[in-house]
Structure formats: C-alpha cells, structure tokens
Amino acid sequence: MIKIIDLGGPAFMIPLVITLLVILFLMIKGFIKEDSENNRALIGHLSLFALITGILGTTLGLMAAFDAIAVANGISQQVLAFGLRIGLIPTAFGLSIFVLGRLGIIVLILKKNKRL
C-alpha cells in the first residue's frame, strides 16, 4: 500500500487515503447507529471529492510527464507505457473510493428501509 501511495504521488494519494478512511468510518457509524441523511450526503460528497482528486492528480502527472517527454531526445515504448500506468494510479484509486462510497450509500439506504 505504501508503494502505491509513493508511486501515485503523495500529494494526491495521501488525501485520497484520508478520504477513504473517513468514508469507511462514516459507513461503519451508519451500520452501528441509526443512519442519517446527513451521513449519507457526506459519504456522497466525499466519494465525489475522491474521484475528482484522482482525476486531477492524473491530469497534472500526465502534463508533467509529457513535458519531460518533449524535452527528451528519445524515449522507449516501455518507459512511456510504465509512465502512463503510474499516471493512472490516482484516478483508479479515486474511482475505487467513489464506487465504495456509492455502494455504501446504497447499503445504508437499504438498511434504513429494512430490506437488508
């Protein structure tokens, strides 16, 4: 996990990890105690924040990578592929947090409606 945070860029990955932990805390709180509309709304906003943060991290990382490629005389396909893969880590992580948050909201709504 530490390696992925380091590869994805700590400036974006650390806020994403913190957002994930807060979402998990709110989901557990919603399961243990009676869920509230505010709790679900906060999970929704945080999950959307994670998605946008991941996309922003990828965009800025790819812009920096393309600047470095433009300066370099020649670059191999393997280096380019690895750089693109690394650049997509924040988006994949942010998207995973988004999906987890949205699934948590669905489960909390089903629990509230006594279907779960």
PDB file of N, CA and C in Angstrom:
ATOM      1  N   MET A   1       0.828  -1.193   0.000  1.00  0.00           N
ATOM      2  CA  MET A   1       0.000   0.000   0.000  1.00  0.00           C
ATOM      3  C   MET A   1       0.877   1.262   0.000  1.00  0.00           C
ATOM      4  N   ILE A   2       1.948   1.248   0.788  1.00  0.00           N
ATOM      5  CA  ILE A   2       2.848   2.395   0.842  1.00  0.00           C
ATOM      6  C   ILE A   2       3.488   2.628  -0.526  1.00  0.00           C
ATOM      7  N   LYS A   3       3.824   1.540  -1.231  1.00  0.00           N
ATOM      8  CA  LYS A   3       4.462   1.665  -2.544  1.00  0.00           C
ATOM      9  C   LYS A   3       3.504   2.321  -3.541  1.00  0.00           C
ATOM     10  N   ILE A   4       2.231   1.944  -3.487  1.00  0.00           N
ATOM     11  CA  ILE A   4       1.248   2.529  -4.396  1.00  0.00           C
ATOM     12  C   ILE A   4       1.069   4.010  -4.102  1.00  0.00           C
ATOM     13  N   ILE A   5       1.050   4.372  -2.819  1.00  0.00           N
ATOM     14  CA  ILE A   5       0.925   5.786  -2.449  1.00  0.00           C
ATOM     15  C   ILE A   5       2.124   6.564  -2.977  1.00  0.00           C
ATOM     16  N   ASP A   6       3.299   5.990  -2.842  1.00  0.00           N
ATOM     17  CA  ASP A   6       4.509   6.654  -3.318  1.00  0.00           C
ATOM     18  C   ASP A   6       4.519   6.767  -4.842  1.00  0.00           C
ATOM     19  N   LEU A   7       4.124   5.697  -5.534  1.00  0.00           N
ATOM     20  CA  LEU A   7       4.109   5.725  -6.998  1.00  0.00           C
ATOM     21  C   LEU A   7       3.064   6.699  -7.539  1.00  0.00           C
ATOM     22  N   GLY A   8       1.899   6.736  -6.900  1.00  0.00           N
ATOM     23  CA  GLY A   8       0.830   7.608  -7.380  1.00  0.00           C
ATOM     24  C   GLY A   8       1.044   9.071  -7.064  1.00  0.00           C
ATOM     25  N   GLY A   9       2.009   9.361  -6.224  1.00  0.00           N
ATOM     26  CA  GLY A   9       2.284  10.747  -5.852  1.00  0.00           C
ATOM     27  C   GLY A   9       1.632  11.089  -4.529  1.00  0.00           C
ATOM     28  N   PRO A  10       2.432  11.270  -3.491  1.00  0.00           N
ATOM     29  CA  PRO A  10       1.877  11.513  -2.154  1.00  0.00           C
ATOM     30  C   PRO A  10       0.969  12.736  -2.066  1.00  0.00           C
ATOM     31  N   ALA A  11       1.195  13.743  -2.901  1.00  0.00           N
ATOM     32  CA  ALA A  11       0.379  14.959  -2.835  1.00  0.00           C
ATOM     33  C   ALA A  11      -1.095  14.680  -3.095  1.00  0.00           C
ATOM     34  N   PHE A  12      -1.385  13.660  -3.894  1.00  0.00           N
ATOM     35  CA  PHE A  12      -2.773  13.322  -4.187  1.00  0.00           C
ATOM     36  C   PHE A  12      -3.210  12.034  -3.504  1.00  0.00           C
ATOM     37  N   MET A  13      -2.293  11.116  -3.310  1.00  0.00           N
ATOM     38  CA  MET A  13      -2.671   9.822  -2.746  1.00  0.00           C
ATOM     39  C   MET A  13      -2.955   9.893  -1.244  1.00  0.00           C
ATOM     40  N   ILE A  14      -2.213  10.722  -0.517  1.00  0.00           N
ATOM     41  CA  ILE A  14      -2.466  10.830   0.923  1.00  0.00           C
ATOM     42  C   ILE A  14      -3.857  11.418   1.200  1.00  0.00           C
ATOM     43  N   PRO A  15      -4.278  12.492   0.529  1.00  0.00           N
ATOM     44  CA  PRO A  15      -5.669  12.942   0.738  1.00  0.00           C
ATOM     45  C   PRO A  15      -6.694  11.887   0.334  1.00  0.00           C
ATOM     46  N   LEU A  16      -6.384  11.088  -0.691  1.00  0.00           N
ATOM     47  CA  LEU A  16      -7.311  10.028  -1.081  1.00  0.00           C
ATOM     48  C   LEU A  16      -7.410   8.948   0.003  1.00  0.00           C
ATOM     49  N   VAL A  17      -6.290   8.595   0.610  1.00  0.00           N
ATOM     50  CA  VAL A  17      -6.312   7.604   1.693  1.00  0.00           C
ATOM     51  C   VAL A  17      -7.099   8.146   2.883  1.00  0.00           C
ATOM     52  N   ILE A  18      -6.885   9.403   3.218  1.00  0.00           N
ATOM     53  CA  ILE A  18      -7.632  10.010   4.324  1.00  0.00           C
ATOM     54  C   ILE A  18      -9.126  10.029   4.013  1.00  0.00           C
ATOM     55  N   THR A  19      -9.478  10.370   2.784  1.00  0.00           N
ATOM     56  CA  THR A  19     -10.880  10.363   2.374  1.00  0.00           C
ATOM     57  C   THR A  19     -11.468   8.962   2.476  1.00  0.00           C
ATOM     58  N   LEU A  20     -10.707   7.952   2.066  1.00  0.00           N
ATOM     59  CA  LEU A  20     -11.166   6.567   2.176  1.00  0.00           C
ATOM     60  C   LEU A  20     -11.430   6.202   3.629  1.00  0.00           C
ATOM     61  N   LEU A  21     -10.531   6.558   4.519  1.00  0.00           N
ATOM     62  CA  LEU A  21     -10.703   6.235   5.933  1.00  0.00           C
ATOM     63  C   LEU A  21     -11.930   6.931   6.527  1.00  0.00           C
ATOM     64  N   VAL A  22     -12.163   8.183   6.140  1.00  0.00           N
ATOM     65  CA  VAL A  22     -13.335   8.903   6.640  1.00  0.00           C
ATOM     66  C   VAL A  22     -14.620   8.264   6.119  1.00  0.00           C
ATOM     67  N   ILE A  23     -14.624   7.873   4.843  1.00  0.00           N
ATOM     68  CA  ILE A  23     -15.803   7.218   4.271  1.00  0.00           C
ATOM     69  C   ILE A  23     -16.074   5.896   4.985  1.00  0.00           C
ATOM     70  N   LEU A  24     -15.030   5.120   5.226  1.00  0.00           N
ATOM     71  CA  LEU A  24     -15.218   3.852   5.943  1.00  0.00           C
ATOM     72  C   LEU A  24     -15.746   4.095   7.354  1.00  0.00           C
ATOM     73  N   PHE A  25     -15.223   5.114   8.033  1.00  0.00           N
ATOM     74  CA  PHE A  25     -15.706   5.448   9.370  1.00  0.00           C
ATOM     75  C   PHE A  25     -17.191   5.807   9.338  1.00  0.00           C
ATOM     76  N   LEU A  26     -17.593   6.639   8.371  1.00  0.00           N
ATOM     77  CA  LEU A  26     -18.993   7.040   8.268  1.00  0.00           C
ATOM     78  C   LEU A  26     -19.900   5.869   7.926  1.00  0.00           C
ATOM     79  N   MET A  27     -19.398   4.943   7.101  1.00  0.00           N
ATOM     80  CA  MET A  27     -20.200   3.766   6.767  1.00  0.00           C
ATOM     81  C   MET A  27     -20.381   2.878   7.993  1.00  0.00           C
ATOM     82  N   ILE A  28     -19.324   2.656   8.738  1.00  0.00           N
ATOM     83  CA  ILE A  28     -19.420   1.834   9.948  1.00  0.00           C
ATOM     84  C   ILE A  28     -20.334   2.508  10.963  1.00  0.00           C
ATOM     85  N   LYS A  29     -20.206   3.815  11.099  1.00  0.00           N
ATOM     86  CA  LYS A  29     -21.079   4.570  12.000  1.00  0.00           C
ATOM     87  C   LYS A  29     -22.543   4.416  11.573  1.00  0.00           C
ATOM     88  N   GLY A  30     -22.787   4.434  10.279  1.00  0.00           N
ATOM     89  CA  GLY A  30     -24.147   4.264   9.772  1.00  0.00           C
ATOM     90  C   GLY A  30     -24.698   2.869  10.011  1.00  0.00           C
ATOM     91  N   PHE A  31     -23.828   1.853  10.007  1.00  0.00           N
ATOM     92  CA  PHE A  31     -24.283   0.489  10.260  1.00  0.00           C
ATOM     93  C   PHE A  31     -24.556   0.260  11.746  1.00  0.00           C
ATOM     94  N   ILE A  32     -23.710   0.818  12.603  1.00  0.00           N
ATOM     95  CA  ILE A  32     -23.843   0.585  14.035  1.00  0.00           C
ATOM     96  C   ILE A  32     -24.986   1.406  14.621  1.00  0.00           C
ATOM     97  N   LYS A  33     -24.968   2.701  14.344  1.00  0.00           N
ATOM     98  CA  LYS A  33     -26.023   3.580  14.835  1.00  0.00           C
ATOM     99  C   LYS A  33     -27.069   3.741  13.739  1.00  0.00           C
ATOM    100  N   GLU A  34     -28.136   4.427  14.080  1.00  0.00           N
ATOM    101  CA  GLU A  34     -29.145   4.724  13.069  1.00  0.00           C
ATOM    102  C   GLU A  34     -28.557   5.693  12.050  1.00  0.00           C
ATOM    103  N   ASP A  35     -28.711   5.371  10.792  1.00  0.00           N
ATOM    104  CA  ASP A  35     -28.165   6.195   9.725  1.00  0.00           C
ATOM    105  C   ASP A  35     -28.982   7.467   9.583  1.00  0.00           C
ATOM    106  N   SER A  36     -28.304   8.529   9.180  1.00  0.00           N
ATOM    107  CA  SER A  36     -28.995   9.792   8.958  1.00  0.00           C
ATOM    108  C   SER A  36     -28.771  10.241   7.508  1.00  0.00           C
ATOM    109  N   GLU A  37     -29.612  11.127   7.079  1.00  0.00           N
ATOM    110  CA  GLU A  37     -29.493  11.682   5.725  1.00  0.00           C
ATOM    111  C   GLU A  37     -28.181  12.465   5.576  1.00  0.00           C
ATOM    112  N   ASN A  38     -27.787  13.157   6.639  1.00  0.00           N
ATOM    113  CA  ASN A  38     -26.536  13.918   6.606  1.00  0.00           C
ATOM    114  C   ASN A  38     -25.332  12.999   6.422  1.00  0.00           C
ATOM    115  N   ASN A  39     -25.367  11.842   7.064  1.00  0.00           N
ATOM    116  CA  ASN A  39     -24.275  10.870   6.950  1.00  0.00           C
ATOM    117  C   ASN A  39     -24.139  10.387   5.507  1.00  0.00           C
ATOM    118  N   ARG A  40     -25.257  10.034   4.902  1.00  0.00           N
ATOM    119  CA  ARG A  40     -25.227   9.572   3.502  1.00  0.00           C
ATOM    120  C   ARG A  40     -24.796  10.690   2.565  1.00  0.00           C
ATOM    121  N   ALA A  41     -25.250  11.911   2.815  1.00  0.00           N
ATOM    122  CA  ALA A  41     -24.858  13.038   1.962  1.00  0.00           C
ATOM    123  C   ALA A  41     -23.357  13.295   2.073  1.00  0.00           C
ATOM    124  N   LEU A  42     -22.824  13.192   3.277  1.00  0.00           N
ATOM    125  CA  LEU A  42     -21.390  13.402   3.455  1.00  0.00           C
ATOM    126  C   LEU A  42     -20.577  12.318   2.758  1.00  0.00           C
ATOM    127  N   ILE A  43     -21.032  11.080   2.829  1.00  0.00           N
ATOM    128  CA  ILE A  43     -20.353   9.994   2.109  1.00  0.00           C
ATOM    129  C   ILE A  43     -20.381  10.273   0.606  1.00  0.00           C
ATOM    130  N   GLY A  44     -21.508  10.731   0.108  1.00  0.00           N
ATOM    131  CA  GLY A  44     -21.617  11.049  -1.317  1.00  0.00           C
ATOM    132  C   GLY A  44     -20.682  12.163  -1.741  1.00  0.00           C
ATOM    133  N   HIS A  45     -20.619  13.211  -0.942  1.00  0.00           N
ATOM    134  CA  HIS A  45     -19.728  14.331  -1.278  1.00  0.00           C
ATOM    135  C   HIS A  45     -18.261  13.919  -1.197  1.00  0.00           C
ATOM    136  N   LEU A  46     -17.910  13.146  -0.178  1.00  0.00           N
ATOM    137  CA  LEU A  46     -16.521  12.707  -0.041  1.00  0.00           C
ATOM    138  C   LEU A  46     -16.115  11.761  -1.165  1.00  0.00           C
ATOM    139  N   SER A  47     -17.033  10.888  -1.581  1.00  0.00           N
ATOM    140  CA  SER A  47     -16.693   9.969  -2.668  1.00  0.00           C
ATOM    141  C   SER A  47     -16.499  10.731  -3.976  1.00  0.00           C
ATOM    142  N   LEU A  48     -17.310  11.741  -4.202  1.00  0.00           N
ATOM    143  CA  LEU A  48     -17.129  12.566  -5.397  1.00  0.00           C
ATOM    144  C   LEU A  48     -15.828  13.359  -5.323  1.00  0.00           C
ATOM    145  N   PHE A  49     -15.477  13.853  -4.130  1.00  0.00           N
ATOM    146  CA  PHE A  49     -14.210  14.535  -3.926  1.00  0.00           C
ATOM    147  C   PHE A  49     -13.038  13.610  -4.265  1.00  0.00           C
ATOM    148  N   ALA A  50     -13.131  12.340  -3.862  1.00  0.00           N
ATOM    149  CA  ALA A  50     -12.064  11.375  -4.151  1.00  0.00           C
ATOM    150  C   ALA A  50     -11.920  11.167  -5.656  1.00  0.00           C
ATOM    151  N   LEU A  51     -13.026  11.049  -6.350  1.00  0.00           N
ATOM    152  CA  LEU A  51     -12.977  10.855  -7.801  1.00  0.00           C
ATOM    153  C   LEU A  51     -12.318  12.045  -8.494  1.00  0.00           C
ATOM    154  N   ILE A  52     -12.736  13.241  -8.139  1.00  0.00           N
ATOM    155  CA  ILE A  52     -12.189  14.438  -8.779  1.00  0.00           C
ATOM    156  C   ILE A  52     -10.721  14.632  -8.408  1.00  0.00           C
ATOM    157  N   THR A  53     -10.357  14.346  -7.161  1.00  0.00           N
ATOM    158  CA  THR A  53      -8.959  14.457  -6.753  1.00  0.00           C
ATOM    159  C   THR A  53      -8.083  13.493  -7.536  1.00  0.00           C
ATOM    160  N   GLY A  54      -8.561  12.273  -7.741  1.00  0.00           N
ATOM    161  CA  GLY A  54      -7.811  11.300  -8.533  1.00  0.00           C
ATOM    162  C   GLY A  54      -7.628  11.743  -9.966  1.00  0.00           C
ATOM    163  N   ILE A  55      -8.683  12.291 -10.560  1.00  0.00           N
ATOM    164  CA  ILE A  55      -8.588  12.767 -11.938  1.00  0.00           C
ATOM    165  C   ILE A  55      -7.633  13.955 -12.032  1.00  0.00           C
ATOM    166  N   LEU A  56      -7.690  14.857 -11.062  1.00  0.00           N
ATOM    167  CA  LEU A  56      -6.768  15.992 -11.050  1.00  0.00           C
ATOM    168  C   LEU A  56      -5.322  15.527 -10.909  1.00  0.00           C
ATOM    169  N   GLY A  57      -5.081  14.550 -10.043  1.00  0.00           N
ATOM    170  CA  GLY A  57      -3.727  14.008  -9.875  1.00  0.00           C
ATOM    171  C   GLY A  57      -3.198  13.399 -11.151  1.00  0.00           C
ATOM    172  N   THR A  58      -4.036  12.654 -11.836  1.00  0.00           N
ATOM    173  CA  THR A  58      -3.623  12.048 -13.098  1.00  0.00           C
ATOM    174  C   THR A  58      -3.353  13.114 -14.152  1.00  0.00           C
ATOM    175  N   THR A  59      -4.221  14.106 -14.239  1.00  0.00           N
ATOM    176  CA  THR A  59      -4.053  15.154 -15.238  1.00  0.00           C
ATOM    177  C   THR A  59      -2.746  15.913 -15.035  1.00  0.00           C
ATOM    178  N   LEU A  60      -2.487  16.315 -13.804  1.00  0.00           N
ATOM    179  CA  LEU A  60      -1.244  17.041 -13.539  1.00  0.00           C
ATOM    180  C   LEU A  60      -0.017  16.156 -13.727  1.00  0.00           C
ATOM    181  N   GLY A  61      -0.115  14.896 -13.347  1.00  0.00           N
ATOM    182  CA  GLY A  61       1.001  13.966 -13.544  1.00  0.00           C
ATOM    183  C   GLY A  61       1.298  13.723 -15.013  1.00  0.00           C
ATOM    184  N   LEU A  62       0.259  13.565 -15.818  1.00  0.00           N
ATOM    185  CA  LEU A  62       0.467  13.351 -17.248  1.00  0.00           C
ATOM    186  C   LEU A  62       1.009  14.606 -17.935  1.00  0.00           C
ATOM    187  N   MET A  63       0.574  15.768 -17.479  1.00  0.00           N
ATOM    188  CA  MET A  63       1.121  17.001 -18.047  1.00  0.00           C
ATOM    189  C   MET A  63       2.618  17.107 -17.770  1.00  0.00           C
ATOM    190  N   ALA A  64       3.019  16.771 -16.561  1.00  0.00           N
ATOM    191  CA  ALA A  64       4.452  16.796 -16.226  1.00  0.00           C
ATOM    192  C   ALA A  64       5.211  15.743 -17.026  1.00  0.00           C
ATOM    193  N   ALA A  65       4.608  14.560 -17.196  1.00  0.00           N
ATOM    194  CA  ALA A  65       5.264  13.500 -17.963  1.00  0.00           C
ATOM    195  C   ALA A  65       5.422  13.901 -19.431  1.00  0.00           C
ATOM    196  N   PHE A  66       4.409  14.507 -20.006  1.00  0.00           N
ATOM    197  CA  PHE A  66       4.504  14.928 -21.402  1.00  0.00           C
ATOM    198  C   PHE A  66       5.518  16.052 -21.578  1.00  0.00           C
ATOM    199  N   ASP A  67       5.654  16.910 -20.583  1.00  0.00           N
ATOM    200  CA  ASP A  67       6.710  17.929 -20.641  1.00  0.00           C
ATOM    201  C   ASP A  67       8.083  17.277 -20.658  1.00  0.00           C
ATOM    202  N   ALA A  68       8.277  16.257 -19.824  1.00  0.00           N
ATOM    203  CA  ALA A  68       9.568  15.557 -19.778  1.00  0.00           C
ATOM    204  C   ALA A  68       9.831  14.817 -21.087  1.00  0.00           C
ATOM    205  N   ILE A  69       8.793  14.244 -21.687  1.00  0.00           N
ATOM    206  CA  ILE A  69       8.948  13.525 -22.953  1.00  0.00           C
ATOM    207  C   ILE A  69       9.315  14.507 -24.067  1.00  0.00           C
ATOM    208  N   ALA A  70       8.730  15.692 -24.031  1.00  0.00           N
ATOM    209  CA  ALA A  70       9.023  16.685 -25.071  1.00  0.00           C
ATOM    210  C   ALA A  70      10.476  17.138 -25.029  1.00  0.00           C
ATOM    211  N   VAL A  71      11.071  17.157 -23.843  1.00  0.00           N
ATOM    212  CA  VAL A  71      12.465  17.590 -23.699  1.00  0.00           C
ATOM    213  C   VAL A  71      13.427  16.467 -24.073  1.00  0.00           C
ATOM    214  N   ALA A  72      13.034  15.228 -23.824  1.00  0.00           N
ATOM    215  CA  ALA A  72      13.920  14.088 -24.074  1.00  0.00           C
ATOM    216  C   ALA A  72      14.125  13.888 -25.575  1.00  0.00           C
ATOM    217  N   ASN A  73      15.310  13.427 -25.929  1.00  0.00           N
ATOM    218  CA  ASN A  73      15.624  13.171 -27.338  1.00  0.00           C
ATOM    219  C   ASN A  73      14.916  11.929 -27.851  1.00  0.00           C
ATOM    220  N   GLY A  74      14.865  10.915 -27.041  1.00  0.00           N
ATOM    221  CA  GLY A  74      14.210   9.675 -27.433  1.00  0.00           C
ATOM    222  C   GLY A  74      13.738   8.949 -26.190  1.00  0.00           C
ATOM    223  N   ILE A  75      12.620   8.276 -26.324  1.00  0.00           N
ATOM    224  CA  ILE A  75      12.073   7.566 -25.176  1.00  0.00           C
ATOM    225  C   ILE A  75      11.534   6.227 -25.673  1.00  0.00           C
ATOM    226  N   SER A  76      11.789   5.182 -24.902  1.00  0.00           N
ATOM    227  CA  SER A  76      11.339   3.853 -25.335  1.00  0.00           C
ATOM    228  C   SER A  76       9.853   3.674 -25.039  1.00  0.00           C
ATOM    229  N   GLN A  77       9.259   2.735 -25.733  1.00  0.00           N
ATOM    230  CA  GLN A  77       7.848   2.439 -25.524  1.00  0.00           C
ATOM    231  C   GLN A  77       7.593   1.898 -24.127  1.00  0.00           C
ATOM    232  N   GLN A  78       8.545   1.141 -23.585  1.00  0.00           N
ATOM    233  CA  GLN A  78       8.394   0.576 -22.250  1.00  0.00           C
ATOM    234  C   GLN A  78       8.350   1.682 -21.194  1.00  0.00           C
ATOM    235  N   VAL A  79       9.212   2.662 -21.332  1.00  0.00           N
ATOM    236  CA  VAL A  79       9.229   3.777 -20.374  1.00  0.00           C
ATOM    237  C   VAL A  79       7.937   4.569 -20.474  1.00  0.00           C
ATOM    238  N   LEU A  80       7.463   4.800 -21.689  1.00  0.00           N
ATOM    239  CA  LEU A  80       6.211   5.525 -21.879  1.00  0.00           C
ATOM    240  C   LEU A  80       5.035   4.760 -21.285  1.00  0.00           C
ATOM    241  N   ALA A  81       4.966   3.468 -21.540  1.00  0.00           N
ATOM    242  CA  ALA A  81       3.876   2.648 -21.007  1.00  0.00           C
ATOM    243  C   ALA A  81       3.899   2.623 -19.481  1.00  0.00           C
ATOM    244  N   PHE A  82       5.084   2.480 -18.895  1.00  0.00           N
ATOM    245  CA  PHE A  82       5.194   2.469 -17.444  1.00  0.00           C
ATOM    246  C   PHE A  82       4.779   3.819 -16.862  1.00  0.00           C
ATOM    247  N   GLY A  83       5.182   4.901 -17.501  1.00  0.00           N
ATOM    248  CA  GLY A  83       4.811   6.238 -17.034  1.00  0.00           C
ATOM    249  C   GLY A  83       3.308   6.471 -17.100  1.00  0.00           C
ATOM    250  N   LEU A  84       2.684   6.022 -18.172  1.00  0.00           N
ATOM    251  CA  LEU A  84       1.226   6.157 -18.285  1.00  0.00           C
ATOM    252  C   LEU A  84       0.510   5.316 -17.235  1.00  0.00           C
ATOM    253  N   ARG A  85       1.027   4.122 -16.978  1.00  0.00           N
ATOM    254  CA  ARG A  85       0.441   3.248 -15.954  1.00  0.00           C
ATOM    255  C   ARG A  85       0.530   3.905 -14.585  1.00  0.00           C
ATOM    256  N   ILE A  86       1.681   4.439 -14.263  1.00  0.00           N
ATOM    257  CA  ILE A  86       1.867   5.122 -12.981  1.00  0.00           C
ATOM    258  C   ILE A  86       0.965   6.355 -12.897  1.00  0.00           C
ATOM    259  N   GLY A  87       0.827   7.048 -14.011  1.00  0.00           N
ATOM    260  CA  GLY A  87       0.000   8.244 -14.035  1.00  0.00           C
ATOM    261  C   GLY A  87      -1.469   7.977 -13.781  1.00  0.00           C
ATOM    262  N   LEU A  88      -1.931   6.775 -14.064  1.00  0.00           N
ATOM    263  CA  LEU A  88      -3.338   6.442 -13.877  1.00  0.00           C
ATOM    264  C   LEU A  88      -3.673   5.932 -12.482  1.00  0.00           C
ATOM    265  N   ILE A  89      -2.677   5.760 -11.636  1.00  0.00           N
ATOM    266  CA  ILE A  89      -2.923   5.236 -10.279  1.00  0.00           C
ATOM    267  C   ILE A  89      -3.876   6.134  -9.487  1.00  0.00           C
ATOM    268  N   PRO A  90      -3.676   7.456  -9.442  1.00  0.00           N
ATOM    269  CA  PRO A  90      -4.614   8.275  -8.655  1.00  0.00           C
ATOM    270  C   PRO A  90      -6.060   8.189  -9.139  1.00  0.00           C
ATOM    271  N   THR A  91      -6.259   8.142 -10.449  1.00  0.00           N
ATOM    272  CA  THR A  91      -7.623   8.028 -10.959  1.00  0.00           C
ATOM    273  C   THR A  91      -8.246   6.689 -10.583  1.00  0.00           C
ATOM    274  N   ALA A  92      -7.485   5.616 -10.720  1.00  0.00           N
ATOM    275  CA  ALA A  92      -8.011   4.299 -10.357  1.00  0.00           C
ATOM    276  C   ALA A  92      -8.349   4.231  -8.866  1.00  0.00           C
ATOM    277  N   PHE A  93      -7.501   4.802  -8.036  1.00  0.00           N
ATOM    278  CA  PHE A  93      -7.745   4.797  -6.600  1.00  0.00           C
ATOM    279  C   PHE A  93      -8.947   5.672  -6.247  1.00  0.00           C
ATOM    280  N   GLY A  94      -9.023   6.855  -6.854  1.00  0.00           N
ATOM    281  CA  GLY A  94     -10.164   7.741  -6.624  1.00  0.00           C
ATOM    282  C   GLY A  94     -11.467   7.130  -7.106  1.00  0.00           C
ATOM    283  N   LEU A  95     -11.426   6.455  -8.240  1.00  0.00           N
ATOM    284  CA  LEU A  95     -12.620   5.789  -8.758  1.00  0.00           C
ATOM    285  C   LEU A  95     -13.043   4.648  -7.845  1.00  0.00           C
ATOM    286  N   SER A  96     -12.086   3.912  -7.310  1.00  0.00           N
ATOM    287  CA  SER A  96     -12.398   2.821  -6.379  1.00  0.00           C
ATOM    288  C   SER A  96     -13.064   3.361  -5.118  1.00  0.00           C
ATOM    289  N   ILE A  97     -12.560   4.472  -4.603  1.00  0.00           N
ATOM    290  CA  ILE A  97     -13.169   5.090  -3.420  1.00  0.00           C
ATOM    291  C   ILE A  97     -14.574   5.580  -3.750  1.00  0.00           C
ATOM    292  N   PHE A  98     -14.749   6.154  -4.933  1.00  0.00           N
ATOM    293  CA  PHE A  98     -16.068   6.623  -5.362  1.00  0.00           C
ATOM    294  C   PHE A  98     -17.075   5.475  -5.397  1.00  0.00           C
ATOM    295  N   VAL A  99     -16.687   4.376  -6.003  1.00  0.00           N
ATOM    296  CA  VAL A  99     -17.588   3.220  -6.103  1.00  0.00           C
ATOM    297  C   VAL A  99     -17.903   2.664  -4.715  1.00  0.00           C
ATOM    298  N   LEU A 100     -16.884   2.554  -3.857  1.00  0.00           N
ATOM    299  CA  LEU A 100     -17.108   2.069  -2.498  1.00  0.00           C
ATOM    300  C   LEU A 100     -18.073   2.982  -1.744  1.00  0.00           C
ATOM    301  N   GLY A 101     -17.895   4.281  -1.862  1.00  0.00           N
ATOM    302  CA  GLY A 101     -18.793   5.222  -1.199  1.00  0.00           C
ATOM    303  C   GLY A 101     -20.217   5.110  -1.707  1.00  0.00           C
ATOM    304  N   ARG A 102     -20.365   4.998  -3.004  1.00  0.00           N
ATOM    305  CA  ARG A 102     -21.719   4.872  -3.575  1.00  0.00           C
ATOM    306  C   ARG A 102     -22.383   3.559  -3.175  1.00  0.00           C
ATOM    307  N   LEU A 103     -21.605   2.479  -3.144  1.00  0.00           N
ATOM    308  CA  LEU A 103     -22.160   1.205  -2.672  1.00  0.00           C
ATOM    309  C   LEU A 103     -22.548   1.300  -1.196  1.00  0.00           C
ATOM    310  N   GLY A 104     -21.747   2.001  -0.411  1.00  0.00           N
ATOM    311  CA  GLY A 104     -22.079   2.204   0.995  1.00  0.00           C
ATOM    312  C   GLY A 104     -23.386   2.958   1.160  1.00  0.00           C
ATOM    313  N   ILE A 105     -23.602   3.973   0.333  1.00  0.00           N
ATOM    314  CA  ILE A 105     -24.857   4.719   0.389  1.00  0.00           C
ATOM    315  C   ILE A 105     -26.033   3.809   0.058  1.00  0.00           C
ATOM    316  N   ILE A 106     -25.881   2.984  -0.964  1.00  0.00           N
ATOM    317  CA  ILE A 106     -26.955   2.063  -1.343  1.00  0.00           C
ATOM    318  C   ILE A 106     -27.278   1.114  -0.200  1.00  0.00           C
ATOM    319  N   VAL A 107     -26.253   0.557   0.424  1.00  0.00           N
ATOM    320  CA  VAL A 107     -26.471  -0.378   1.526  1.00  0.00           C
ATOM    321  C   VAL A 107     -27.130   0.324   2.709  1.00  0.00           C
ATOM    322  N   LEU A 108     -26.695   1.541   3.011  1.00  0.00           N
ATOM    323  CA  LEU A 108     -27.308   2.284   4.119  1.00  0.00           C
ATOM    324  C   LEU A 108     -28.777   2.603   3.842  1.00  0.00           C
ATOM    325  N   ILE A 109     -29.100   2.934   2.602  1.00  0.00           N
ATOM    326  CA  ILE A 109     -30.496   3.193   2.247  1.00  0.00           C
ATOM    327  C   ILE A 109     -31.318   1.917   2.376  1.00  0.00           C
ATOM    328  N   LEU A 110     -30.769   0.789   1.904  1.00  0.00           N
ATOM    329  CA  LEU A 110     -31.491  -0.476   2.037  1.00  0.00           C
ATOM    330  C   LEU A 110     -31.672  -0.856   3.508  1.00  0.00           C
ATOM    331  N   LYS A 111     -30.666  -0.581   4.321  1.00  0.00           N
ATOM    332  CA  LYS A 111     -30.767  -0.869   5.753  1.00  0.00           C
ATOM    333  C   LYS A 111     -31.850  -0.010   6.378  1.00  0.00           C
ATOM    334  N   LYS A 112     -31.908   1.256   5.995  1.00  0.00           N
ATOM    335  CA  LYS A 112     -32.905   2.159   6.545  1.00  0.00           C
ATOM    336  C   LYS A 112     -34.314   1.701   6.166  1.00  0.00           C
ATOM    337  N   ASN A 113     -34.464   1.189   4.971  1.00  0.00           N
ATOM    338  CA  ASN A 113     -35.753   0.720   4.503  1.00  0.00           C
ATOM    339  C   ASN A 113     -36.054  -0.702   4.967  1.00  0.00           C
ATOM    340  N   LYS A 114     -35.184  -1.244   5.819  1.00  0.00           N
ATOM    341  CA  LYS A 114     -35.348  -2.585   6.422  1.00  0.00           C
ATOM    342  C   LYS A 114     -35.352  -3.713   5.395  1.00  0.00           C
ATOM    343  N   ARG A 115     -34.632  -3.505   4.318  1.00  0.00           N
ATOM    344  CA  ARG A 115     -34.524  -4.565   3.303  1.00  0.00           C
ATOM    345  C   ARG A 115     -33.217  -5.304   3.402  1.00  0.00           C
ATOM    346  N   LEU A 116     -32.385  -4.926   4.340  1.00  0.00           N
ATOM    347  CA  LEU A 116     -31.086  -5.581   4.481  1.00  0.00           C
ATOM    348  C   LEU A 116     -30.901  -5.974   5.924  1.00  0.00           C
TER     349      LEU A 116
END
